[in-house]
Amino acid sequence: MSERKLISSGSSFEKLAGYSRAVVDGDWIFVSGCTGYEYSTMTLAPDLEGQVRQAFRNIANALEQAGASLDDVVRVHYYLPEQSDFNRAAPIFGEYLGKARPAATALICGLVEPAMKIEIEVTARRRGARVSARGAASDYPPGRT
């Protein structure tokens, strides 16, 4: 049975909406969509760049609590309300995830609040985790992975 741990940012919205900032299940880490809110003050930068950078700080904080870092990200989803913002945000994505180079998807959609300019969701796997196409190597007899 794998370890399961819930991680909170301290946001009151997590309790209200019944979710966790991140869930650790064994070596896998699933980080909920993070916006540009600075959770300790519940403030939101007015500009795209500020919100993207804060969203990555929020993600990095959750990953750190899970024993991982942005370099462990294997999948990322970007949600932006304005298509024109993608090209301005993409170089910032590269600053934070250029080493990990995860599989990525970007969607243009509405967000919960009009002031939000981005939401970023990631999946990560702690380094050293050995997983084959059929699951964890420890699930199979020697020579069968």
C-alpha atoms as a PDB file:
ATOM      1  CA  MET A   1       0.000   0.000   0.000  1.00  0.00           C
ATOM      2  CA  SER A   2       1.421   3.378  -0.974  1.00  0.00           C
ATOM      3  CA  GLU A   3       1.901   6.393   1.243  1.00  0.00           C
ATOM      4  CA  ARG A   4      -0.766   9.075   0.844  1.00  0.00           C
ATOM      5  CA  LYS A   5      -0.226  12.582   2.145  1.00  0.00           C
ATOM      6  CA  LEU A   6      -2.345  15.717   1.764  1.00  0.00           C
ATOM      7  CA  ILE A   7      -0.576  19.078   1.454  1.00  0.00           C
ATOM      8  CA  SER A   8      -2.239  22.434   2.119  1.00  0.00           C
ATOM      9  CA  SER A   9      -1.136  25.948   1.232  1.00  0.00           C
ATOM     10  CA  GLY A  10      -3.179  27.348   4.106  1.00  0.00           C
ATOM     11  CA  SER A  11      -5.700  28.897   1.721  1.00  0.00           C
ATOM     12  CA  SER A  12      -9.167  29.082   3.269  1.00  0.00           C
ATOM     13  CA  PHE A  13     -10.605  28.155  -0.133  1.00  0.00           C
ATOM     14  CA  GLU A  14      -9.097  24.657   0.117  1.00  0.00           C
ATOM     15  CA  LYS A  15     -11.222  23.889   3.163  1.00  0.00           C
ATOM     16  CA  LEU A  16     -14.305  25.559   1.695  1.00  0.00           C
ATOM     17  CA  ALA A  17     -14.082  23.666  -1.609  1.00  0.00           C
ATOM     18  CA  GLY A  18     -12.850  20.408  -0.033  1.00  0.00           C
ATOM     19  CA  TYR A  19      -9.558  19.909  -1.828  1.00  0.00           C
ATOM     20  CA  SER A  20      -5.815  19.811  -1.145  1.00  0.00           C
ATOM     21  CA  ARG A  21      -3.106  21.930  -2.735  1.00  0.00           C
ATOM     22  CA  ALA A  22      -1.332  18.669  -3.492  1.00  0.00           C
ATOM     23  CA  VAL A  23      -1.744  14.954  -2.930  1.00  0.00           C
ATOM     24  CA  VAL A  24       1.243  12.656  -2.588  1.00  0.00           C
ATOM     25  CA  ASP A  25       0.502   9.040  -3.457  1.00  0.00           C
ATOM     26  CA  GLY A  26       3.667   6.972  -3.183  1.00  0.00           C
ATOM     27  CA  ASP A  27       6.232   8.621  -5.448  1.00  0.00           C
ATOM     28  CA  TRP A  28       3.610  10.556  -7.415  1.00  0.00           C
ATOM     29  CA  ILE A  29       2.687  14.150  -6.569  1.00  0.00           C
ATOM     30  CA  PHE A  30      -0.449  15.757  -7.970  1.00  0.00           C
ATOM     31  CA  VAL A  31      -0.524  19.534  -7.511  1.00  0.00           C
ATOM     32  CA  SER A  32      -3.879  21.249  -7.902  1.00  0.00           C
ATOM     33  CA  GLY A  33      -4.177  24.201 -10.221  1.00  0.00           C
ATOM     34  CA  CYS A  34      -2.227  27.115  -8.746  1.00  0.00           C
ATOM     35  CA  THR A  35      -2.976  30.713  -9.569  1.00  0.00           C
ATOM     36  CA  GLY A  36      -0.907  33.805  -8.908  1.00  0.00           C
ATOM     37  CA  TYR A  37      -2.289  34.384  -5.420  1.00  0.00           C
ATOM     38  CA  GLU A  38       0.255  34.939  -2.662  1.00  0.00           C
ATOM     39  CA  TYR A  39      -1.559  32.701  -0.177  1.00  0.00           C
ATOM     40  CA  SER A  40      -0.201  34.260   3.014  1.00  0.00           C
ATOM     41  CA  THR A  41      -1.739  37.636   2.122  1.00  0.00           C
ATOM     42  CA  MET A  42      -4.339  36.514  -0.447  1.00  0.00           C
ATOM     43  CA  THR A  43      -3.094  39.185  -2.813  1.00  0.00           C
ATOM     44  CA  LEU A  44      -2.885  38.860  -6.572  1.00  0.00           C
ATOM     45  CA  ALA A  45      -0.398  40.693  -8.781  1.00  0.00           C
ATOM     46  CA  PRO A  46      -2.186  42.710 -11.481  1.00  0.00           C
ATOM     47  CA  ASP A  47       0.154  41.582 -14.299  1.00  0.00           C
ATOM     48  CA  LEU A  48       0.546  38.274 -16.125  1.00  0.00           C
ATOM     49  CA  GLU A  49       4.271  37.905 -15.424  1.00  0.00           C
ATOM     50  CA  GLY A  50       3.820  38.448 -11.689  1.00  0.00           C
ATOM     51  CA  GLN A  51       0.994  35.916 -11.562  1.00  0.00           C
ATOM     52  CA  VAL A  52       2.944  33.284 -13.512  1.00  0.00           C
ATOM     53  CA  ARG A  53       5.967  33.638 -11.226  1.00  0.00           C
ATOM     54  CA  GLN A  54       3.814  33.458  -8.077  1.00  0.00           C
ATOM     55  CA  ALA A  55       1.981  30.389  -9.402  1.00  0.00           C
ATOM     56  CA  PHE A  56       5.337  28.657  -9.883  1.00  0.00           C
ATOM     57  CA  ARG A  57       6.416  29.682  -6.353  1.00  0.00           C
ATOM     58  CA  ASN A  58       3.171  28.145  -5.041  1.00  0.00           C
ATOM     59  CA  ILE A  59       3.817  24.943  -6.993  1.00  0.00           C
ATOM     60  CA  ALA A  60       7.463  24.780  -5.883  1.00  0.00           C
ATOM     61  CA  ASN A  61       6.377  25.182  -2.254  1.00  0.00           C
ATOM     62  CA  ALA A  62       3.899  22.284  -2.532  1.00  0.00           C
ATOM     63  CA  LEU A  63       6.487  20.103  -4.261  1.00  0.00           C
ATOM     64  CA  GLU A  64       9.077  20.921  -1.587  1.00  0.00           C
ATOM     65  CA  GLN A  65       6.637  19.772   1.110  1.00  0.00           C
ATOM     66  CA  ALA A  66       6.306  16.524  -0.856  1.00  0.00           C
ATOM     67  CA  GLY A  67      10.069  16.001  -1.064  1.00  0.00           C
ATOM     68  CA  ALA A  68      10.385  17.067  -4.710  1.00  0.00           C
ATOM     69  CA  SER A  69      11.104  20.101  -6.868  1.00  0.00           C
ATOM     70  CA  LEU A  70      10.116  21.654 -10.179  1.00  0.00           C
ATOM     71  CA  ASP A  71      12.803  19.460 -11.776  1.00  0.00           C
ATOM     72  CA  ASP A  72      10.611  16.442 -10.931  1.00  0.00           C
ATOM     73  CA  VAL A  73       7.575  17.673 -12.904  1.00  0.00           C
ATOM     74  CA  VAL A  74       6.514  15.209 -15.622  1.00  0.00           C
ATOM     75  CA  ARG A  75       3.236  16.828 -16.759  1.00  0.00           C
ATOM     76  CA  VAL A  76       1.948  20.406 -16.765  1.00  0.00           C
ATOM     77  CA  HIS A  77      -1.345  22.013 -17.773  1.00  0.00           C
ATOM     78  CA  TYR A  78      -1.544  25.762 -18.352  1.00  0.00           C
ATOM     79  CA  TYR A  79      -4.929  27.479 -18.280  1.00  0.00           C
ATOM     80  CA  LEU A  80      -5.115  31.027 -19.634  1.00  0.00           C
ATOM     81  CA  PRO A  81      -8.190  33.168 -20.321  1.00  0.00           C
ATOM     82  CA  GLU A  82      -6.418  35.175 -23.056  1.00  0.00           C
ATOM     83  CA  GLN A  83      -4.800  33.419 -26.022  1.00  0.00           C
ATOM     84  CA  SER A  84      -2.475  36.385 -26.579  1.00  0.00           C
ATOM     85  CA  ASP A  85      -0.956  35.856 -23.110  1.00  0.00           C
ATOM     86  CA  PHE A  86       0.501  32.459 -24.003  1.00  0.00           C
ATOM     87  CA  ASN A  87       3.423  33.819 -26.026  1.00  0.00           C
ATOM     88  CA  ARG A  88       4.311  36.268 -23.236  1.00  0.00           C
ATOM     89  CA  ALA A  89       4.124  33.561 -20.568  1.00  0.00           C
ATOM     90  CA  ALA A  90       5.936  30.772 -22.468  1.00  0.00           C
ATOM     91  CA  PRO A  91       9.476  32.084 -21.804  1.00  0.00           C
ATOM     92  CA  ILE A  92       8.675  32.199 -18.076  1.00  0.00           C
ATOM     93  CA  PHE A  93       7.460  28.586 -18.252  1.00  0.00           C
ATOM     94  CA  GLY A  94      10.860  27.710 -19.688  1.00  0.00           C
ATOM     95  CA  GLU A  95      12.656  29.475 -16.833  1.00  0.00           C
ATOM     96  CA  TYR A  96      10.939  27.258 -14.277  1.00  0.00           C
ATOM     97  CA  LEU A  97      10.529  23.973 -16.188  1.00  0.00           C
ATOM     98  CA  GLY A  98      13.345  24.081 -18.761  1.00  0.00           C
ATOM     99  CA  LYS A  99      15.329  21.419 -16.934  1.00  0.00           C
ATOM    100  CA  ALA A 100      12.363  19.062 -16.380  1.00  0.00           C
ATOM    101  CA  ARG A 101      10.889  19.537 -19.883  1.00  0.00           C
ATOM    102  CA  PRO A 102       7.557  17.909 -18.934  1.00  0.00           C
ATOM    103  CA  ALA A 103       4.757  16.922 -21.267  1.00  0.00           C
ATOM    104  CA  ALA A 104       2.619  20.077 -21.536  1.00  0.00           C
ATOM    105  CA  THR A 105      -0.842  21.224 -22.541  1.00  0.00           C
ATOM    106  CA  ALA A 106      -2.126  24.794 -22.746  1.00  0.00           C
ATOM    107  CA  LEU A 107      -5.829  25.617 -22.764  1.00  0.00           C
ATOM    108  CA  ILE A 108      -7.606  28.908 -23.308  1.00  0.00           C
ATOM    109  CA  CYS A 109     -10.579  29.038 -20.953  1.00  0.00           C
ATOM    110  CA  GLY A 110     -12.373  31.066 -18.311  1.00  0.00           C
ATOM    111  CA  LEU A 111     -10.956  31.076 -14.781  1.00  0.00           C
ATOM    112  CA  VAL A 112     -12.814  31.397 -11.472  1.00  0.00           C
ATOM    113  CA  GLU A 113     -12.097  35.117 -11.036  1.00  0.00           C
ATOM    114  CA  PRO A 114     -11.715  37.704 -13.806  1.00  0.00           C
ATOM    115  CA  ALA A 115      -8.489  39.057 -12.220  1.00  0.00           C
ATOM    116  CA  MET A 116      -6.776  35.662 -12.615  1.00  0.00           C
ATOM    117  CA  LYS A 117      -4.546  35.552 -15.677  1.00  0.00           C
ATOM    118  CA  ILE A 118      -3.259  31.970 -15.341  1.00  0.00           C
ATOM    119  CA  GLU A 119      -3.694  28.689 -13.519  1.00  0.00           C
ATOM    120  CA  ILE A 120      -1.020  25.987 -13.614  1.00  0.00           C
ATOM    121  CA  GLU A 121      -1.465  22.335 -12.620  1.00  0.00           C
ATOM    122  CA  VAL A 122       1.386  19.817 -12.440  1.00  0.00           C
ATOM    123  CA  THR A 123       2.096  16.164 -11.835  1.00  0.00           C
ATOM    124  CA  ALA A 124       5.518  15.169 -10.543  1.00  0.00           C
ATOM    125  CA  ARG A 125       7.299  11.976  -9.587  1.00  0.00           C
ATOM    126  CA  ARG A 126       9.958  11.872  -6.899  1.00  0.00           C
ATOM    127  CA  ARG A 127      13.400  11.048  -8.226  1.00  0.00           C
ATOM    128  CA  GLY A 128      14.573   7.516  -7.723  1.00  0.00           C
ATOM    129  CA  ALA A 129      11.100   6.087  -8.260  1.00  0.00           C
ATOM    130  CA  ARG A 130      11.396   3.137 -10.604  1.00  0.00           C
ATOM    131  CA  VAL A 131       8.265   2.713 -12.685  1.00  0.00           C
ATOM    132  CA  SER A 132       7.781   0.580 -15.774  1.00  0.00           C
ATOM    133  CA  ALA A 133       5.006   0.736 -18.350  1.00  0.00           C
ATOM    134  CA  ARG A 134       3.035  -1.727 -16.201  1.00  0.00           C
ATOM    135  CA  GLY A 135       3.503   0.024 -12.852  1.00  0.00           C
ATOM    136  CA  ALA A 136       6.031   0.087 -10.044  1.00  0.00           C
ATOM    137  CA  ALA A 137       8.907  -2.355 -10.489  1.00  0.00           C
ATOM    138  CA  SER A 138       8.357  -3.634  -6.941  1.00  0.00           C
ATOM    139  CA  ASP A 139       4.934  -4.971  -8.053  1.00  0.00           C
ATOM    140  CA  TYR A 140       6.530  -7.666 -10.240  1.00  0.00           C
ATOM    141  CA  PRO A 141       8.901 -10.577  -9.601  1.00  0.00           C
ATOM    142  CA  PRO A 142      12.577 -10.069 -10.518  1.00  0.00           C
ATOM    143  CA  GLY A 143      13.136 -10.085 -14.279  1.00  0.00           C
ATOM    144  CA  ARG A 144       9.507  -9.195 -15.034  1.00  0.00           C
ATOM    145  CA  THR A 145       9.659  -5.364 -15.211  1.00  0.00           C
END
